[in-house]
Amino acid sequence: MLAQELGVLLLTKRGLRLLTATGEDLTDHSHPAKNAHRQMAGLMAEYEKANTVLRLRAARERAKADRGKCEGRKSHVELRPELAQEARRLARRSPKSGKKRSLRGIALELAALGYLTGHGRPLSRSTVMKLVA
């Protein structure tokens, strides 16, 4: 509200008029009721902003407590933890050959187990890398 009032005073000193959408002149200081009205409107706007910030913060904190994060899409690990577990299992060295599987190889084995994208294709290498990490 202080910034609003200083802005109105600055405009008044420069000889400018500040009009609302309804045509009310906010730089008109001819009557104390006009000043009071302008200040009350600014005060209510400030109160509403602070109240909105408070509610959004509380909602974010509740979301973090419930799901561990509050924004963005859920990851494959969050949606299907069994997929991440299976990907990690496949990423270990093969007991037969002692070699590690490639990310593409893991994706193909996951596809054979029924873990496909929404389009029915095997998972990408980058998705498998995130699952294994």
N, C-alpha and C. Protein backbone atom coordinates (compact mmCIF):
# COMPACT_ATOMS: atom_id res chain seq x y z
N MET A 1 0.83 -1.18 0.00
CA MET A 1 0.00 0.00 0.00
C MET A 1 0.88 1.26 0.00
N LEU A 2 2.00 1.17 0.68
CA LEU A 2 2.92 2.32 0.72
C LEU A 2 3.41 2.65 -0.69
N ALA A 3 3.77 1.61 -1.45
CA ALA A 3 4.24 1.83 -2.82
C ALA A 3 3.12 2.45 -3.67
N GLN A 4 1.90 1.99 -3.46
CA GLN A 4 0.76 2.54 -4.20
C GLN A 4 0.60 4.04 -3.90
N GLU A 5 0.63 4.40 -2.64
CA GLU A 5 0.44 5.79 -2.26
C GLU A 5 1.59 6.67 -2.75
N LEU A 6 2.81 6.15 -2.68
CA LEU A 6 3.95 6.92 -3.20
C LEU A 6 3.83 7.10 -4.70
N GLY A 7 3.34 6.08 -5.39
CA GLY A 7 3.13 6.18 -6.84
C GLY A 7 2.09 7.23 -7.18
N VAL A 8 1.00 7.25 -6.45
CA VAL A 8 -0.06 8.24 -6.68
C VAL A 8 0.48 9.65 -6.42
N LEU A 9 1.25 9.83 -5.34
CA LEU A 9 1.83 11.14 -5.04
C LEU A 9 2.81 11.58 -6.13
N LEU A 10 3.62 10.66 -6.63
CA LEU A 10 4.57 10.98 -7.69
C LEU A 10 3.85 11.41 -8.96
N LEU A 11 2.78 10.70 -9.31
CA LEU A 11 2.01 11.07 -10.50
C LEU A 11 1.35 12.43 -10.32
N THR A 12 0.84 12.69 -9.13
CA THR A 12 0.21 13.98 -8.85
C THR A 12 1.22 15.12 -8.98
N LYS A 13 2.43 14.94 -8.43
CA LYS A 13 3.47 15.97 -8.51
C LYS A 13 3.88 16.24 -9.95
N ARG A 14 3.82 15.23 -10.80
CA ARG A 14 4.20 15.40 -12.20
C ARG A 14 3.04 15.91 -13.06
N GLY A 15 1.92 16.12 -12.42
CA GLY A 15 0.78 16.68 -13.14
C GLY A 15 -0.01 15.65 -13.94
N LEU A 16 0.18 14.39 -13.66
CA LEU A 16 -0.53 13.32 -14.37
C LEU A 16 -1.74 12.87 -13.58
N ARG A 17 -2.71 12.31 -14.28
CA ARG A 17 -3.90 11.78 -13.64
C ARG A 17 -3.90 10.26 -13.83
N LEU A 18 -4.32 9.56 -12.79
CA LEU A 18 -4.44 8.11 -12.82
C LEU A 18 -5.91 7.76 -12.71
N LEU A 19 -6.47 7.15 -13.76
CA LEU A 19 -7.88 6.83 -13.79
C LEU A 19 -8.10 5.32 -13.69
N THR A 20 -9.16 4.95 -12.98
CA THR A 20 -9.54 3.53 -12.92
C THR A 20 -10.33 3.19 -14.17
N ALA A 21 -10.66 1.92 -14.34
CA ALA A 21 -11.45 1.48 -15.48
C ALA A 21 -12.85 2.09 -15.46
N THR A 22 -13.33 2.43 -14.28
CA THR A 22 -14.67 3.05 -14.18
C THR A 22 -14.61 4.56 -14.32
N GLY A 23 -13.41 5.12 -14.47
CA GLY A 23 -13.27 6.55 -14.69
C GLY A 23 -12.97 7.36 -13.44
N GLU A 24 -12.80 6.72 -12.32
CA GLU A 24 -12.50 7.44 -11.07
C GLU A 24 -11.06 7.93 -11.11
N ASP A 25 -10.85 9.20 -10.76
CA ASP A 25 -9.52 9.80 -10.75
C ASP A 25 -8.85 9.51 -9.41
N LEU A 26 -7.83 8.66 -9.43
CA LEU A 26 -7.14 8.30 -8.19
C LEU A 26 -6.17 9.37 -7.71
N THR A 27 -5.82 10.31 -8.59
CA THR A 27 -4.90 11.38 -8.20
C THR A 27 -5.63 12.61 -7.68
N ASP A 28 -6.97 12.53 -7.61
CA ASP A 28 -7.78 13.66 -7.12
C ASP A 28 -7.80 13.60 -5.59
N HIS A 29 -7.18 14.61 -4.96
CA HIS A 29 -7.10 14.66 -3.50
C HIS A 29 -8.06 15.71 -2.93
N SER A 30 -9.10 16.04 -3.68
CA SER A 30 -9.99 17.12 -3.26
C SER A 30 -10.89 16.75 -2.08
N HIS A 31 -11.11 15.46 -1.86
CA HIS A 31 -12.01 15.07 -0.77
C HIS A 31 -11.38 13.91 0.01
N PRO A 32 -11.42 13.96 1.33
CA PRO A 32 -10.82 12.89 2.15
C PRO A 32 -11.45 11.51 1.88
N ALA A 33 -12.71 11.46 1.49
CA ALA A 33 -13.36 10.17 1.22
C ALA A 33 -12.72 9.48 0.02
N LYS A 34 -12.30 10.27 -0.98
CA LYS A 34 -11.64 9.67 -2.14
C LYS A 34 -10.31 9.04 -1.75
N ASN A 35 -9.57 9.74 -0.90
CA ASN A 35 -8.30 9.18 -0.42
C ASN A 35 -8.54 7.90 0.38
N ALA A 36 -9.54 7.94 1.25
CA ALA A 36 -9.85 6.77 2.08
C ALA A 36 -10.27 5.60 1.20
N HIS A 37 -11.08 5.88 0.19
CA HIS A 37 -11.54 4.81 -0.71
C HIS A 37 -10.35 4.17 -1.43
N ARG A 38 -9.45 5.00 -1.96
CA ARG A 38 -8.27 4.50 -2.68
C ARG A 38 -7.39 3.67 -1.74
N GLN A 39 -7.19 4.15 -0.53
CA GLN A 39 -6.34 3.44 0.42
C GLN A 39 -6.97 2.13 0.87
N MET A 40 -8.28 2.12 1.05
CA MET A 40 -8.97 0.88 1.44
C MET A 40 -8.90 -0.15 0.33
N ALA A 41 -9.05 0.30 -0.91
CA ALA A 41 -8.96 -0.63 -2.05
C ALA A 41 -7.56 -1.24 -2.11
N GLY A 42 -6.54 -0.40 -1.90
CA GLY A 42 -5.16 -0.90 -1.89
C GLY A 42 -4.92 -1.86 -0.74
N LEU A 43 -5.47 -1.54 0.41
CA LEU A 43 -5.32 -2.40 1.59
C LEU A 43 -5.97 -3.76 1.36
N MET A 44 -7.17 -3.76 0.77
CA MET A 44 -7.85 -5.03 0.51
C MET A 44 -7.11 -5.86 -0.53
N ALA A 45 -6.55 -5.21 -1.53
CA ALA A 45 -5.77 -5.93 -2.55
C ALA A 45 -4.53 -6.56 -1.90
N GLU A 46 -3.89 -5.83 -1.02
CA GLU A 46 -2.71 -6.35 -0.33
C GLU A 46 -3.08 -7.54 0.56
N TYR A 47 -4.21 -7.42 1.26
CA TYR A 47 -4.70 -8.51 2.12
C TYR A 47 -5.01 -9.76 1.28
N GLU A 48 -5.69 -9.58 0.15
CA GLU A 48 -6.04 -10.72 -0.71
C GLU A 48 -4.80 -11.41 -1.24
N LYS A 49 -3.79 -10.64 -1.63
CA LYS A 49 -2.56 -11.22 -2.13
C LYS A 49 -1.87 -12.04 -1.04
N ALA A 50 -1.76 -11.48 0.16
CA ALA A 50 -1.12 -12.19 1.27
C ALA A 50 -1.89 -13.46 1.61
N ASN A 51 -3.21 -13.40 1.58
CA ASN A 51 -4.04 -14.56 1.88
C ASN A 51 -3.86 -15.65 0.81
N THR A 52 -3.78 -15.26 -0.46
CA THR A 52 -3.56 -16.22 -1.54
C THR A 52 -2.21 -16.88 -1.41
N VAL A 53 -1.18 -16.10 -1.12
CA VAL A 53 0.17 -16.65 -0.93
C VAL A 53 0.17 -17.66 0.21
N LEU A 54 -0.50 -17.34 1.29
CA LEU A 54 -0.58 -18.24 2.44
C LEU A 54 -1.27 -19.56 2.08
N ARG A 55 -2.39 -19.48 1.37
CA ARG A 55 -3.12 -20.69 0.98
C ARG A 55 -2.32 -21.54 0.01
N LEU A 56 -1.63 -20.91 -0.95
CA LEU A 56 -0.82 -21.67 -1.90
C LEU A 56 0.35 -22.36 -1.20
N ARG A 57 0.98 -21.67 -0.26
CA ARG A 57 2.08 -22.26 0.49
C ARG A 57 1.61 -23.48 1.27
N ALA A 58 0.45 -23.36 1.93
CA ALA A 58 -0.09 -24.48 2.70
C ALA A 58 -0.42 -25.66 1.78
N ALA A 59 -0.96 -25.38 0.61
CA ALA A 59 -1.28 -26.46 -0.34
C ALA A 59 -0.02 -27.15 -0.84
N ARG A 60 1.03 -26.37 -1.13
CA ARG A 60 2.31 -26.97 -1.56
C ARG A 60 2.89 -27.85 -0.47
N GLU A 61 2.85 -27.38 0.77
CA GLU A 61 3.39 -28.17 1.88
C GLU A 61 2.60 -29.45 2.09
N ARG A 62 1.27 -29.38 1.94
CA ARG A 62 0.45 -30.60 2.05
C ARG A 62 0.78 -31.57 0.93
N ALA A 63 0.96 -31.05 -0.26
CA ALA A 63 1.28 -31.92 -1.41
C ALA A 63 2.64 -32.58 -1.21
N LYS A 64 3.61 -31.83 -0.71
CA LYS A 64 4.93 -32.42 -0.46
C LYS A 64 4.85 -33.51 0.60
N ALA A 65 4.06 -33.27 1.62
CA ALA A 65 3.92 -34.27 2.69
C ALA A 65 3.24 -35.52 2.17
N ASP A 66 2.27 -35.36 1.27
CA ASP A 66 1.53 -36.50 0.75
C ASP A 66 2.32 -37.29 -0.29
N ARG A 67 2.97 -36.57 -1.23
CA ARG A 67 3.58 -37.25 -2.37
C ARG A 67 5.08 -37.03 -2.50
N GLY A 68 5.65 -36.21 -1.66
CA GLY A 68 7.08 -35.97 -1.74
C GLY A 68 7.45 -34.82 -2.67
N LYS A 69 6.52 -34.38 -3.51
CA LYS A 69 6.74 -33.21 -4.35
C LYS A 69 5.39 -32.61 -4.65
N CYS A 70 5.39 -31.38 -5.16
CA CYS A 70 4.09 -30.73 -5.36
C CYS A 70 3.83 -30.33 -6.80
N GLU A 71 4.85 -30.25 -7.62
CA GLU A 71 4.61 -29.82 -8.98
C GLU A 71 5.18 -30.83 -9.97
N GLY A 72 4.71 -30.76 -11.15
CA GLY A 72 5.23 -31.60 -12.20
C GLY A 72 4.52 -32.93 -12.31
N ARG A 73 4.85 -33.61 -13.38
CA ARG A 73 4.29 -34.91 -13.64
C ARG A 73 4.92 -35.96 -12.74
N LYS A 74 4.19 -36.99 -12.41
CA LYS A 74 4.77 -38.07 -11.62
C LYS A 74 5.71 -38.88 -12.50
N SER A 75 6.82 -39.32 -11.92
CA SER A 75 7.80 -40.09 -12.67
C SER A 75 7.34 -41.55 -12.77
N HIS A 76 8.03 -42.30 -13.62
CA HIS A 76 7.74 -43.74 -13.74
C HIS A 76 7.95 -44.44 -12.40
N VAL A 77 8.96 -44.00 -11.67
CA VAL A 77 9.25 -44.62 -10.37
C VAL A 77 8.08 -44.42 -9.42
N GLU A 78 7.46 -43.21 -9.45
CA GLU A 78 6.33 -42.94 -8.58
C GLU A 78 5.07 -43.67 -9.05
N LEU A 79 4.89 -43.73 -10.36
CA LEU A 79 3.68 -44.37 -10.89
C LEU A 79 3.74 -45.90 -10.81
N ARG A 80 4.90 -46.46 -11.16
CA ARG A 80 5.03 -47.92 -11.17
C ARG A 80 6.36 -48.34 -10.53
N PRO A 81 6.39 -48.42 -9.21
CA PRO A 81 7.64 -48.78 -8.54
C PRO A 81 8.14 -50.17 -8.93
N GLU A 82 7.22 -51.05 -9.31
CA GLU A 82 7.65 -52.40 -9.71
C GLU A 82 8.45 -52.35 -11.01
N LEU A 83 8.16 -51.38 -11.87
CA LEU A 83 8.92 -51.20 -13.11
C LEU A 83 10.35 -50.80 -12.78
N ALA A 84 10.52 -49.86 -11.86
CA ALA A 84 11.86 -49.42 -11.47
C ALA A 84 12.64 -50.57 -10.83
N GLN A 85 11.96 -51.35 -10.02
CA GLN A 85 12.62 -52.49 -9.37
C GLN A 85 13.08 -53.50 -10.41
N GLU A 86 12.24 -53.78 -11.39
CA GLU A 86 12.59 -54.73 -12.45
C GLU A 86 13.74 -54.19 -13.30
N ALA A 87 13.72 -52.88 -13.59
CA ALA A 87 14.80 -52.28 -14.38
C ALA A 87 16.13 -52.37 -13.63
N ARG A 88 16.10 -52.13 -12.33
CA ARG A 88 17.33 -52.24 -11.53
C ARG A 88 17.84 -53.68 -11.50
N ARG A 89 16.91 -54.61 -11.41
CA ARG A 89 17.31 -56.02 -11.41
C ARG A 89 17.99 -56.38 -12.74
N LEU A 90 17.40 -55.91 -13.84
CA LEU A 90 17.98 -56.21 -15.15
C LEU A 90 19.30 -55.49 -15.39
N ALA A 91 19.53 -54.39 -14.70
CA ALA A 91 20.75 -53.62 -14.89
C ALA A 91 21.96 -54.26 -14.23
N ARG A 92 21.70 -55.17 -13.29
CA ARG A 92 22.84 -55.85 -12.64
C ARG A 92 23.54 -56.75 -13.65
N ARG A 93 24.73 -57.13 -13.34
CA ARG A 93 25.48 -58.01 -14.23
C ARG A 93 24.75 -59.33 -14.44
N SER A 94 24.82 -59.79 -15.65
CA SER A 94 24.17 -61.06 -15.99
C SER A 94 24.90 -62.20 -15.28
N PRO A 95 24.17 -63.08 -14.59
CA PRO A 95 24.84 -64.17 -13.89
C PRO A 95 25.53 -65.14 -14.84
N LYS A 96 25.03 -65.25 -16.05
CA LYS A 96 25.61 -66.19 -17.02
C LYS A 96 26.91 -65.67 -17.59
N SER A 97 26.88 -64.45 -18.15
CA SER A 97 28.05 -63.93 -18.84
C SER A 97 28.89 -62.99 -17.99
N GLY A 98 28.33 -62.46 -16.93
CA GLY A 98 29.05 -61.51 -16.09
C GLY A 98 29.09 -60.10 -16.68
N LYS A 99 28.41 -59.90 -17.81
CA LYS A 99 28.39 -58.58 -18.45
C LYS A 99 27.14 -57.80 -18.05
N LYS A 100 27.27 -56.49 -18.15
CA LYS A 100 26.11 -55.63 -17.90
C LYS A 100 25.30 -55.50 -19.19
N ARG A 101 23.99 -55.42 -19.03
CA ARG A 101 23.12 -55.22 -20.19
C ARG A 101 23.15 -53.75 -20.60
N SER A 102 22.94 -53.50 -21.87
CA SER A 102 22.84 -52.12 -22.34
C SER A 102 21.47 -51.57 -21.96
N LEU A 103 21.36 -50.25 -21.99
CA LEU A 103 20.07 -49.63 -21.69
C LEU A 103 19.02 -50.07 -22.69
N ARG A 104 19.40 -50.18 -23.96
CA ARG A 104 18.49 -50.66 -24.99
C ARG A 104 18.08 -52.10 -24.71
N GLY A 105 19.05 -52.92 -24.28
CA GLY A 105 18.75 -54.32 -23.96
C GLY A 105 17.78 -54.43 -22.79
N ILE A 106 17.97 -53.58 -21.79
CA ILE A 106 17.07 -53.58 -20.63
C ILE A 106 15.66 -53.16 -21.09
N ALA A 107 15.59 -52.15 -21.98
CA ALA A 107 14.30 -51.68 -22.48
C ALA A 107 13.58 -52.79 -23.22
N LEU A 108 14.31 -53.55 -24.02
CA LEU A 108 13.69 -54.66 -24.77
C LEU A 108 13.22 -55.77 -23.84
N GLU A 109 14.00 -56.06 -22.82
CA GLU A 109 13.57 -57.09 -21.86
C GLU A 109 12.35 -56.62 -21.06
N LEU A 110 12.32 -55.33 -20.71
CA LEU A 110 11.14 -54.80 -20.03
C LEU A 110 9.92 -54.86 -20.94
N ALA A 111 10.13 -54.61 -22.24
CA ALA A 111 9.02 -54.70 -23.19
C ALA A 111 8.49 -56.12 -23.27
N ALA A 112 9.41 -57.08 -23.24
CA ALA A 112 8.99 -58.49 -23.27
C ALA A 112 8.18 -58.85 -22.02
N LEU A 113 8.45 -58.15 -20.91
CA LEU A 113 7.70 -58.39 -19.69
C LEU A 113 6.39 -57.59 -19.65
N GLY A 114 6.14 -56.77 -20.69
CA GLY A 114 4.89 -56.02 -20.77
C GLY A 114 4.99 -54.57 -20.37
N TYR A 115 6.19 -54.07 -20.08
CA TYR A 115 6.37 -52.67 -19.71
C TYR A 115 6.67 -51.87 -20.98
N LEU A 116 5.63 -51.22 -21.51
CA LEU A 116 5.73 -50.46 -22.74
C LEU A 116 5.31 -49.01 -22.49
N THR A 117 5.61 -48.16 -23.47
CA THR A 117 5.15 -46.77 -23.38
C THR A 117 3.65 -46.74 -23.64
N GLY A 118 3.07 -45.56 -23.52
CA GLY A 118 1.64 -45.40 -23.80
C GLY A 118 1.31 -45.67 -25.26
N HIS A 119 2.33 -45.64 -26.14
CA HIS A 119 2.13 -45.90 -27.56
C HIS A 119 2.45 -47.33 -27.93
N GLY A 120 2.72 -48.17 -26.93
CA GLY A 120 2.98 -49.58 -27.19
C GLY A 120 4.39 -49.89 -27.64
N ARG A 121 5.31 -48.96 -27.44
CA ARG A 121 6.71 -49.19 -27.84
C ARG A 121 7.57 -49.42 -26.60
N PRO A 122 8.76 -50.00 -26.80
CA PRO A 122 9.68 -50.15 -25.65
C PRO A 122 10.08 -48.78 -25.10
N LEU A 123 10.45 -48.76 -23.83
CA LEU A 123 10.89 -47.52 -23.19
C LEU A 123 12.17 -47.02 -23.85
N SER A 124 12.39 -45.71 -23.79
CA SER A 124 13.62 -45.14 -24.36
C SER A 124 14.80 -45.41 -23.43
N ARG A 125 16.01 -45.25 -23.98
CA ARG A 125 17.21 -45.46 -23.19
C ARG A 125 17.28 -44.46 -22.03
N SER A 126 16.88 -43.21 -22.30
CA SER A 126 16.94 -42.19 -21.23
C SER A 126 15.96 -42.53 -20.10
N THR A 127 14.80 -43.07 -20.44
CA THR A 127 13.84 -43.47 -19.41
C THR A 127 14.40 -44.62 -18.59
N VAL A 128 15.02 -45.58 -19.25
CA VAL A 128 15.61 -46.71 -18.53
C VAL A 128 16.73 -46.23 -17.62
N MET A 129 17.51 -45.26 -18.11
CA MET A 129 18.62 -44.72 -17.30
C MET A 129 18.07 -44.09 -16.03
N LYS A 130 16.95 -43.35 -16.13
CA LYS A 130 16.34 -42.73 -14.95
C LYS A 130 15.78 -43.79 -13.99
N LEU A 131 15.25 -44.88 -14.55
CA LEU A 131 14.70 -45.94 -13.70
C LEU A 131 15.80 -46.65 -12.93
N VAL A 132 16.94 -46.81 -13.57
CA VAL A 132 18.05 -47.54 -12.96
C VAL A 132 18.77 -46.70 -11.92
N ALA A 133 18.79 -45.37 -12.15
CA ALA A 133 19.54 -44.46 -11.26
C ALA A 133 19.00 -44.43 -9.86
